[in-house]
Amino acid sequence: MAKSTLILSVGVHEAKSRLSELLRAVATGQEVEICRNGQPVARIVPATIRGSRTFGYDIGRFEVPEDFDAPLADDVLADFEQ
């Protein structure tokens, strides 16, 4: 997807009044900047579409140590109990 371009800068009241219209513009790849007292405070941008996950993709990249669930050393445990 191409980078979005800022097309519109609106105030908070206008953004609330025209939210549906602004969201339609964002859905086409545009950005909308929302300002309060002339200063930008937020930007509405198109959501990124996540790719699908592949189960087992990282298999073999990490191995759980044998002592994973062994009791902590007394000095380490004491740090958690302070």
PDB file of N, CA and C in Angstrom:
ATOM      1  N   MET A   1       0.845  -1.179   0.000  1.00  0.00           N
ATOM      2  CA  MET A   1       0.000   0.000   0.000  1.00  0.00           C
ATOM      3  C   MET A   1       0.884   1.233   0.000  1.00  0.00           C
ATOM      4  N   ALA A   2       0.557   2.232  -0.793  1.00  0.00           N
ATOM      5  CA  ALA A   2       1.329   3.464  -0.862  1.00  0.00           C
ATOM      6  C   ALA A   2       1.145   4.263   0.414  1.00  0.00           C
ATOM      7  N   LYS A   3       2.141   5.087   0.728  1.00  0.00           N
ATOM      8  CA  LYS A   3       2.072   5.914   1.918  1.00  0.00           C
ATOM      9  C   LYS A   3       0.896   6.876   1.812  1.00  0.00           C
ATOM     10  N   SER A   4       0.170   7.044   2.924  1.00  0.00           N
ATOM     11  CA  SER A   4      -0.964   7.947   2.950  1.00  0.00           C
ATOM     12  C   SER A   4      -0.485   9.390   2.877  1.00  0.00           C
ATOM     13  N   THR A   5      -1.356  10.268   2.422  1.00  0.00           N
ATOM     14  CA  THR A   5      -1.026  11.680   2.385  1.00  0.00           C
ATOM     15  C   THR A   5      -2.021  12.444   3.229  1.00  0.00           C
ATOM     16  N   LEU A   6      -1.535  13.470   3.933  1.00  0.00           N
ATOM     17  CA  LEU A   6      -2.396  14.293   4.763  1.00  0.00           C
ATOM     18  C   LEU A   6      -3.242  15.164   3.851  1.00  0.00           C
ATOM     19  N   ILE A   7      -4.545  15.005   3.918  1.00  0.00           N
ATOM     20  CA  ILE A   7      -5.398  15.808   3.049  1.00  0.00           C
ATOM     21  C   ILE A   7      -6.242  16.793   3.825  1.00  0.00           C
ATOM     22  N   LEU A   8      -6.422  16.555   5.100  1.00  0.00           N
ATOM     23  CA  LEU A   8      -7.389  17.365   5.806  1.00  0.00           C
ATOM     24  C   LEU A   8      -6.952  17.594   7.240  1.00  0.00           C
ATOM     25  N   SER A   9      -7.086  18.824   7.680  1.00  0.00           N
ATOM     26  CA  SER A   9      -6.822  19.175   9.070  1.00  0.00           C
ATOM     27  C   SER A   9      -8.109  19.779   9.603  1.00  0.00           C
ATOM     28  N   VAL A  10      -8.662  19.177  10.645  1.00  0.00           N
ATOM     29  CA  VAL A  10      -9.949  19.630  11.187  1.00  0.00           C
ATOM     30  C   VAL A  10      -9.851  19.832  12.684  1.00  0.00           C
ATOM     31  N   GLY A  11     -10.752  20.654  13.208  1.00  0.00           N
ATOM     32  CA  GLY A  11     -10.850  20.856  14.650  1.00  0.00           C
ATOM     33  C   GLY A  11     -11.604  19.708  15.296  1.00  0.00           C
ATOM     34  N   VAL A  12     -11.538  19.651  16.613  1.00  0.00           N
ATOM     35  CA  VAL A  12     -12.188  18.566  17.356  1.00  0.00           C
ATOM     36  C   VAL A  12     -13.689  18.553  17.104  1.00  0.00           C
ATOM     37  N   HIS A  13     -14.334  19.714  17.192  1.00  0.00           N
ATOM     38  CA  HIS A  13     -15.791  19.767  16.990  1.00  0.00           C
ATOM     39  C   HIS A  13     -16.161  19.299  15.586  1.00  0.00           C
ATOM     40  N   GLU A  14     -15.429  19.771  14.586  1.00  0.00           N
ATOM     41  CA  GLU A  14     -15.700  19.364  13.211  1.00  0.00           C
ATOM     42  C   GLU A  14     -15.474  17.866  13.029  1.00  0.00           C
ATOM     43  N   ALA A  15     -14.428  17.330  13.658  1.00  0.00           N
ATOM     44  CA  ALA A  15     -14.149  15.889  13.551  1.00  0.00           C
ATOM     45  C   ALA A  15     -15.298  15.078  14.139  1.00  0.00           C
ATOM     46  N   LYS A  16     -15.840  15.544  15.268  1.00  0.00           N
ATOM     47  CA  LYS A  16     -16.967  14.832  15.869  1.00  0.00           C
ATOM     48  C   LYS A  16     -18.195  14.898  14.976  1.00  0.00           C
ATOM     49  N   SER A  17     -18.422  16.040  14.364  1.00  0.00           N
ATOM     50  CA  SER A  17     -19.596  16.229  13.520  1.00  0.00           C
ATOM     51  C   SER A  17     -19.500  15.459  12.207  1.00  0.00           C
ATOM     52  N   ARG A  18     -18.287  15.273  11.689  1.00  0.00           N
ATOM     53  CA  ARG A  18     -18.094  14.670  10.365  1.00  0.00           C
ATOM     54  C   ARG A  18     -17.356  13.336  10.419  1.00  0.00           C
ATOM     55  N   LEU A  19     -17.410  12.657  11.554  1.00  0.00           N
ATOM     56  CA  LEU A  19     -16.611  11.450  11.735  1.00  0.00           C
ATOM     57  C   LEU A  19     -16.836  10.407  10.639  1.00  0.00           C
ATOM     58  N   SER A  20     -18.073  10.126  10.302  1.00  0.00           N
ATOM     59  CA  SER A  20     -18.347   9.115   9.268  1.00  0.00           C
ATOM     60  C   SER A  20     -17.708   9.501   7.948  1.00  0.00           C
ATOM     61  N   GLU A  21     -17.817  10.759   7.568  1.00  0.00           N
ATOM     62  CA  GLU A  21     -17.216  11.246   6.319  1.00  0.00           C
ATOM     63  C   GLU A  21     -15.695  11.142   6.363  1.00  0.00           C
ATOM     64  N   LEU A  22     -15.116  11.513   7.503  1.00  0.00           N
ATOM     65  CA  LEU A  22     -13.662  11.446   7.643  1.00  0.00           C
ATOM     66  C   LEU A  22     -13.175  10.003   7.577  1.00  0.00           C
ATOM     67  N   LEU A  23     -13.917   9.086   8.179  1.00  0.00           N
ATOM     68  CA  LEU A  23     -13.534   7.668   8.134  1.00  0.00           C
ATOM     69  C   LEU A  23     -13.608   7.119   6.717  1.00  0.00           C
ATOM     70  N   ARG A  24     -14.571   7.587   5.933  1.00  0.00           N
ATOM     71  CA  ARG A  24     -14.620   7.163   4.531  1.00  0.00           C
ATOM     72  C   ARG A  24     -13.379   7.639   3.781  1.00  0.00           C
ATOM     73  N   ALA A  25     -12.925   8.852   4.064  1.00  0.00           N
ATOM     74  CA  ALA A  25     -11.710   9.376   3.425  1.00  0.00           C
ATOM     75  C   ALA A  25     -10.494   8.548   3.841  1.00  0.00           C
ATOM     76  N   VAL A  26     -10.429   8.203   5.118  1.00  0.00           N
ATOM     77  CA  VAL A  26      -9.309   7.396   5.621  1.00  0.00           C
ATOM     78  C   VAL A  26      -9.327   6.011   4.975  1.00  0.00           C
ATOM     79  N   ALA A  27     -10.504   5.460   4.767  1.00  0.00           N
ATOM     80  CA  ALA A  27     -10.617   4.130   4.158  1.00  0.00           C
ATOM     81  C   ALA A  27     -10.062   4.115   2.738  1.00  0.00           C
ATOM     82  N   THR A  28      -9.976   5.278   2.099  1.00  0.00           N
ATOM     83  CA  THR A  28      -9.418   5.345   0.747  1.00  0.00           C
ATOM     84  C   THR A  28      -7.917   5.602   0.770  1.00  0.00           C
ATOM     85  N   GLY A  29      -7.324   5.639   1.981  1.00  0.00           N
ATOM     86  CA  GLY A  29      -5.877   5.804   2.081  1.00  0.00           C
ATOM     87  C   GLY A  29      -5.425   7.185   2.508  1.00  0.00           C
ATOM     88  N   GLN A  30      -6.349   8.066   2.819  1.00  0.00           N
ATOM     89  CA  GLN A  30      -5.998   9.428   3.224  1.00  0.00           C
ATOM     90  C   GLN A  30      -5.760   9.496   4.734  1.00  0.00           C
ATOM     91  N   GLU A  31      -5.154  10.583   5.183  1.00  0.00           N
ATOM     92  CA  GLU A  31      -4.966  10.834   6.608  1.00  0.00           C
ATOM     93  C   GLU A  31      -5.744  12.090   6.985  1.00  0.00           C
ATOM     94  N   VAL A  32      -6.207  12.123   8.225  1.00  0.00           N
ATOM     95  CA  VAL A  32      -6.920  13.280   8.748  1.00  0.00           C
ATOM     96  C   VAL A  32      -6.237  13.674  10.050  1.00  0.00           C
ATOM     97  N   GLU A  33      -5.895  14.948  10.146  1.00  0.00           N
ATOM     98  CA  GLU A  33      -5.258  15.478  11.357  1.00  0.00           C
ATOM     99  C   GLU A  33      -6.325  16.219  12.156  1.00  0.00           C
ATOM    100  N   ILE A  34      -6.383  15.953  13.456  1.00  0.00           N
ATOM    101  CA  ILE A  34      -7.342  16.622  14.327  1.00  0.00           C
ATOM    102  C   ILE A  34      -6.570  17.595  15.211  1.00  0.00           C
ATOM    103  N   CYS A  35      -7.054  18.854  15.221  1.00  0.00           N
ATOM    104  CA  CYS A  35      -6.356  19.910  15.961  1.00  0.00           C
ATOM    105  C   CYS A  35      -7.222  20.442  17.099  1.00  0.00           C
ATOM    106  N   ARG A  36      -6.554  20.889  18.146  1.00  0.00           N
ATOM    107  CA  ARG A  36      -7.207  21.585  19.258  1.00  0.00           C
ATOM    108  C   ARG A  36      -6.470  22.909  19.408  1.00  0.00           C
ATOM    109  N   ASN A  37      -7.186  23.994  19.329  1.00  0.00           N
ATOM    110  CA  ASN A  37      -6.595  25.334  19.405  1.00  0.00           C
ATOM    111  C   ASN A  37      -5.493  25.511  18.361  1.00  0.00           C
ATOM    112  N   GLY A  38      -5.715  24.959  17.183  1.00  0.00           N
ATOM    113  CA  GLY A  38      -4.760  25.109  16.092  1.00  0.00           C
ATOM    114  C   GLY A  38      -3.542  24.203  16.163  1.00  0.00           C
ATOM    115  N   GLN A  39      -3.443  23.383  17.202  1.00  0.00           N
ATOM    116  CA  GLN A  39      -2.300  22.486  17.367  1.00  0.00           C
ATOM    117  C   GLN A  39      -2.736  21.037  17.113  1.00  0.00           C
ATOM    118  N   PRO A  40      -1.999  20.306  16.287  1.00  0.00           N
ATOM    119  CA  PRO A  40      -2.352  18.905  16.032  1.00  0.00           C
ATOM    120  C   PRO A  40      -2.273  18.069  17.311  1.00  0.00           C
ATOM    121  N   VAL A  41      -3.311  17.278  17.560  1.00  0.00           N
ATOM    122  CA  VAL A  41      -3.323  16.404  18.734  1.00  0.00           C
ATOM    123  C   VAL A  41      -3.511  14.937  18.376  1.00  0.00           C
ATOM    124  N   ALA A  42      -4.005  14.677  17.154  1.00  0.00           N
ATOM    125  CA  ALA A  42      -4.236  13.279  16.752  1.00  0.00           C
ATOM    126  C   ALA A  42      -4.262  13.202  15.238  1.00  0.00           C
ATOM    127  N   ARG A  43      -4.056  11.994  14.767  1.00  0.00           N
ATOM    128  CA  ARG A  43      -4.130  11.746  13.328  1.00  0.00           C
ATOM    129  C   ARG A  43      -4.865  10.426  13.121  1.00  0.00           C
ATOM    130  N   ILE A  44      -5.831  10.454  12.224  1.00  0.00           N
ATOM    131  CA  ILE A  44      -6.542   9.231  11.846  1.00  0.00           C
ATOM    132  C   ILE A  44      -5.880   8.732  10.568  1.00  0.00           C
ATOM    133  N   VAL A  45      -5.384   7.508  10.620  1.00  0.00           N
ATOM    134  CA  VAL A  45      -4.675   6.930   9.476  1.00  0.00           C
ATOM    135  C   VAL A  45      -5.291   5.578   9.141  1.00  0.00           C
ATOM    136  N   PRO A  46      -5.114   5.120   7.910  1.00  0.00           N
ATOM    137  CA  PRO A  46      -5.641   3.797   7.554  1.00  0.00           C
ATOM    138  C   PRO A  46      -5.025   2.703   8.422  1.00  0.00           C
ATOM    139  N   ALA A  47      -5.837   1.746   8.805  1.00  0.00           N
ATOM    140  CA  ALA A  47      -5.348   0.616   9.586  1.00  0.00           C
ATOM    141  C   ALA A  47      -4.474  -0.268   8.702  1.00  0.00           C
ATOM    142  N   THR A  48      -3.436  -0.817   9.299  1.00  0.00           N
ATOM    143  CA  THR A  48      -2.598  -1.742   8.544  1.00  0.00           C
ATOM    144  C   THR A  48      -3.227  -3.127   8.599  1.00  0.00           C
ATOM    145  N   ILE A  49      -3.179  -3.814   7.499  1.00  0.00           N
ATOM    146  CA  ILE A  49      -3.728  -5.167   7.426  1.00  0.00           C
ATOM    147  C   ILE A  49      -2.615  -6.139   7.806  1.00  0.00           C
ATOM    148  N   ARG A  50      -2.872  -6.919   8.812  1.00  0.00           N
ATOM    149  CA  ARG A  50      -1.885  -7.910   9.245  1.00  0.00           C
ATOM    150  C   ARG A  50      -1.952  -9.136   8.351  1.00  0.00           C
ATOM    151  N   GLY A  51      -0.787  -9.677   8.088  1.00  0.00           N
ATOM    152  CA  GLY A  51      -0.741 -10.920   7.325  1.00  0.00           C
ATOM    153  C   GLY A  51      -1.193 -12.083   8.191  1.00  0.00           C
ATOM    154  N   SER A  52      -1.470 -13.198   7.580  1.00  0.00           N
ATOM    155  CA  SER A  52      -1.883 -14.360   8.353  1.00  0.00           C
ATOM    156  C   SER A  52      -0.670 -14.971   9.049  1.00  0.00           C
ATOM    157  N   ARG A  53      -0.905 -15.577  10.161  1.00  0.00           N
ATOM    158  CA  ARG A  53       0.159 -16.218  10.931  1.00  0.00           C
ATOM    159  C   ARG A  53       0.288 -17.671  10.503  1.00  0.00           C
ATOM    160  N   THR A  54       1.504 -18.164  10.537  1.00  0.00           N
ATOM    161  CA  THR A  54       1.755 -19.557  10.229  1.00  0.00           C
ATOM    162  C   THR A  54       2.138 -20.271  11.509  1.00  0.00           C
ATOM    163  N   PHE A  55       1.314 -21.217  11.932  1.00  0.00           N
ATOM    164  CA  PHE A  55       1.585 -21.951  13.159  1.00  0.00           C
ATOM    165  C   PHE A  55       2.890 -22.729  13.018  1.00  0.00           C
ATOM    166  N   GLY A  56       3.760 -22.607  14.012  1.00  0.00           N
ATOM    167  CA  GLY A  56       5.010 -23.344  14.015  1.00  0.00           C
ATOM    168  C   GLY A  56       6.135 -22.673  13.251  1.00  0.00           C
ATOM    169  N   TYR A  57       5.954 -21.454  12.825  1.00  0.00           N
ATOM    170  CA  TYR A  57       6.955 -20.743  12.029  1.00  0.00           C
ATOM    171  C   TYR A  57       8.303 -20.654  12.748  1.00  0.00           C
ATOM    172  N   ASP A  58       8.285 -20.438  14.053  1.00  0.00           N
ATOM    173  CA  ASP A  58       9.524 -20.281  14.824  1.00  0.00           C
ATOM    174  C   ASP A  58       9.960 -21.564  15.534  1.00  0.00           C
ATOM    175  N   ILE A  59       9.438 -22.684  15.123  1.00  0.00           N
ATOM    176  CA  ILE A  59       9.776 -23.940  15.779  1.00  0.00           C
ATOM    177  C   ILE A  59      11.298 -24.157  15.743  1.00  0.00           C
ATOM    178  N   GLY A  60      11.847 -24.497  16.885  1.00  0.00           N
ATOM    179  CA  GLY A  60      13.277 -24.755  16.990  1.00  0.00           C
ATOM    180  C   GLY A  60      14.117 -23.522  17.257  1.00  0.00           C
ATOM    181  N   ARG A  61      13.516 -22.342  17.289  1.00  0.00           N
ATOM    182  CA  ARG A  61      14.288 -21.119  17.526  1.00  0.00           C
ATOM    183  C   ARG A  61      14.517 -20.864  19.011  1.00  0.00           C
ATOM    184  N   PHE A  62      13.746 -21.520  19.856  1.00  0.00           N
ATOM    185  CA  PHE A  62      13.894 -21.358  21.298  1.00  0.00           C
ATOM    186  C   PHE A  62      13.608 -22.687  21.955  1.00  0.00           C
ATOM    187  N   GLU A  63      14.393 -22.990  22.956  1.00  0.00           N
ATOM    188  CA  GLU A  63      14.174 -24.222  23.691  1.00  0.00           C
ATOM    189  C   GLU A  63      14.022 -23.871  25.165  1.00  0.00           C
ATOM    190  N   VAL A  64      12.994 -24.401  25.796  1.00  0.00           N
ATOM    191  CA  VAL A  64      12.762 -24.145  27.214  1.00  0.00           C
ATOM    192  C   VAL A  64      13.811 -24.913  28.014  1.00  0.00           C
ATOM    193  N   PRO A  65      14.556 -24.199  28.878  1.00  0.00           N
ATOM    194  CA  PRO A  65      15.593 -24.863  29.669  1.00  0.00           C
ATOM    195  C   PRO A  65      14.990 -25.909  30.610  1.00  0.00           C
ATOM    196  N   GLU A  66      15.762 -26.924  30.908  1.00  0.00           N
ATOM    197  CA  GLU A  66      15.306 -27.993  31.816  1.00  0.00           C
ATOM    198  C   GLU A  66      14.906 -27.447  33.183  1.00  0.00           C
ATOM    199  N   ASP A  67      15.617 -26.416  33.671  1.00  0.00           N
ATOM    200  CA  ASP A  67      15.351 -25.879  35.011  1.00  0.00           C
ATOM    201  C   ASP A  67      14.377 -24.701  34.986  1.00  0.00           C
ATOM    202  N   PHE A  68      13.557 -24.604  33.954  1.00  0.00           N
ATOM    203  CA  PHE A  68      12.634 -23.492  33.780  1.00  0.00           C
ATOM    204  C   PHE A  68      11.765 -23.251  35.018  1.00  0.00           C
ATOM    205  N   ASP A  69      11.241 -24.309  35.596  1.00  0.00           N
ATOM    206  CA  ASP A  69      10.338 -24.159  36.742  1.00  0.00           C
ATOM    207  C   ASP A  69      11.011 -24.479  38.081  1.00  0.00           C
ATOM    208  N   ALA A  70      12.337 -24.432  38.096  1.00  0.00           N
ATOM    209  CA  ALA A  70      13.079 -24.670  39.347  1.00  0.00           C
ATOM    210  C   ALA A  70      12.891 -23.469  40.276  1.00  0.00           C
ATOM    211  N   PRO A  71      12.953 -23.696  41.583  1.00  0.00           N
ATOM    212  CA  PRO A  71      12.820 -22.585  42.536  1.00  0.00           C
ATOM    213  C   PRO A  71      13.918 -21.544  42.299  1.00  0.00           C
ATOM    214  N   LEU A  72      13.572 -20.301  42.564  1.00  0.00           N
ATOM    215  CA  LEU A  72      14.549 -19.221  42.425  1.00  0.00           C
ATOM    216  C   LEU A  72      15.545 -19.257  43.569  1.00  0.00           C
ATOM    217  N   ALA A  73      16.731 -18.727  43.312  1.00  0.00           N
ATOM    218  CA  ALA A  73      17.734 -18.613  44.378  1.00  0.00           C
ATOM    219  C   ALA A  73      17.193 -17.656  45.440  1.00  0.00           C
ATOM    220  N   ASP A  74      17.606 -17.852  46.695  1.00  0.00           N
ATOM    221  CA  ASP A  74      17.080 -17.050  47.801  1.00  0.00           C
ATOM    222  C   ASP A  74      17.271 -15.551  47.582  1.00  0.00           C
ATOM    223  N   ASP A  75      18.448 -15.135  47.084  1.00  0.00           N
ATOM    224  CA  ASP A  75      18.689 -13.702  46.891  1.00  0.00           C
ATOM    225  C   ASP A  75      17.787 -13.117  45.789  1.00  0.00           C
ATOM    226  N   VAL A  76      17.509 -13.879  44.742  1.00  0.00           N
ATOM    227  CA  VAL A  76      16.612 -13.414  43.680  1.00  0.00           C
ATOM    228  C   VAL A  76      15.185 -13.352  44.206  1.00  0.00           C
ATOM    229  N   LEU A  77      14.757 -14.369  44.929  1.00  0.00           N
ATOM    230  CA  LEU A  77      13.425 -14.400  45.500  1.00  0.00           C
ATOM    231  C   LEU A  77      13.210 -13.245  46.450  1.00  0.00           C
ATOM    232  N   ALA A  78      14.229 -12.902  47.224  1.00  0.00           N
ATOM    233  CA  ALA A  78      14.142 -11.778  48.173  1.00  0.00           C
ATOM    234  C   ALA A  78      13.889 -10.462  47.439  1.00  0.00           C
ATOM    235  N   ASP A  79      14.455 -10.296  46.262  1.00  0.00           N
ATOM    236  CA  ASP A  79      14.226  -9.073  45.489  1.00  0.00           C
ATOM    237  C   ASP A  79      12.752  -8.897  45.102  1.00  0.00           C
ATOM    238  N   PHE A  80      12.048 -10.000  44.885  1.00  0.00           N
ATOM    239  CA  PHE A  80      10.641  -9.930  44.517  1.00  0.00           C
ATOM    240  C   PHE A  80       9.749  -9.670  45.730  1.00  0.00           C
ATOM    241  N   GLU A  81      10.227  -9.969  46.922  1.00  0.00           N
ATOM    242  CA  GLU A  81       9.411  -9.871  48.120  1.00  0.00           C
ATOM    243  C   GLU A  81       9.573  -8.559  48.857  1.00  0.00           C
ATOM    244  N   GLN A  82      10.337  -7.641  48.326  1.00  0.00           N
ATOM    245  CA  GLN A  82      10.564  -6.366  49.029  1.00  0.00           C
ATOM    246  C   GLN A  82       9.371  -5.480  48.987  1.00  0.00           C
TER     247      GLN A  82
END
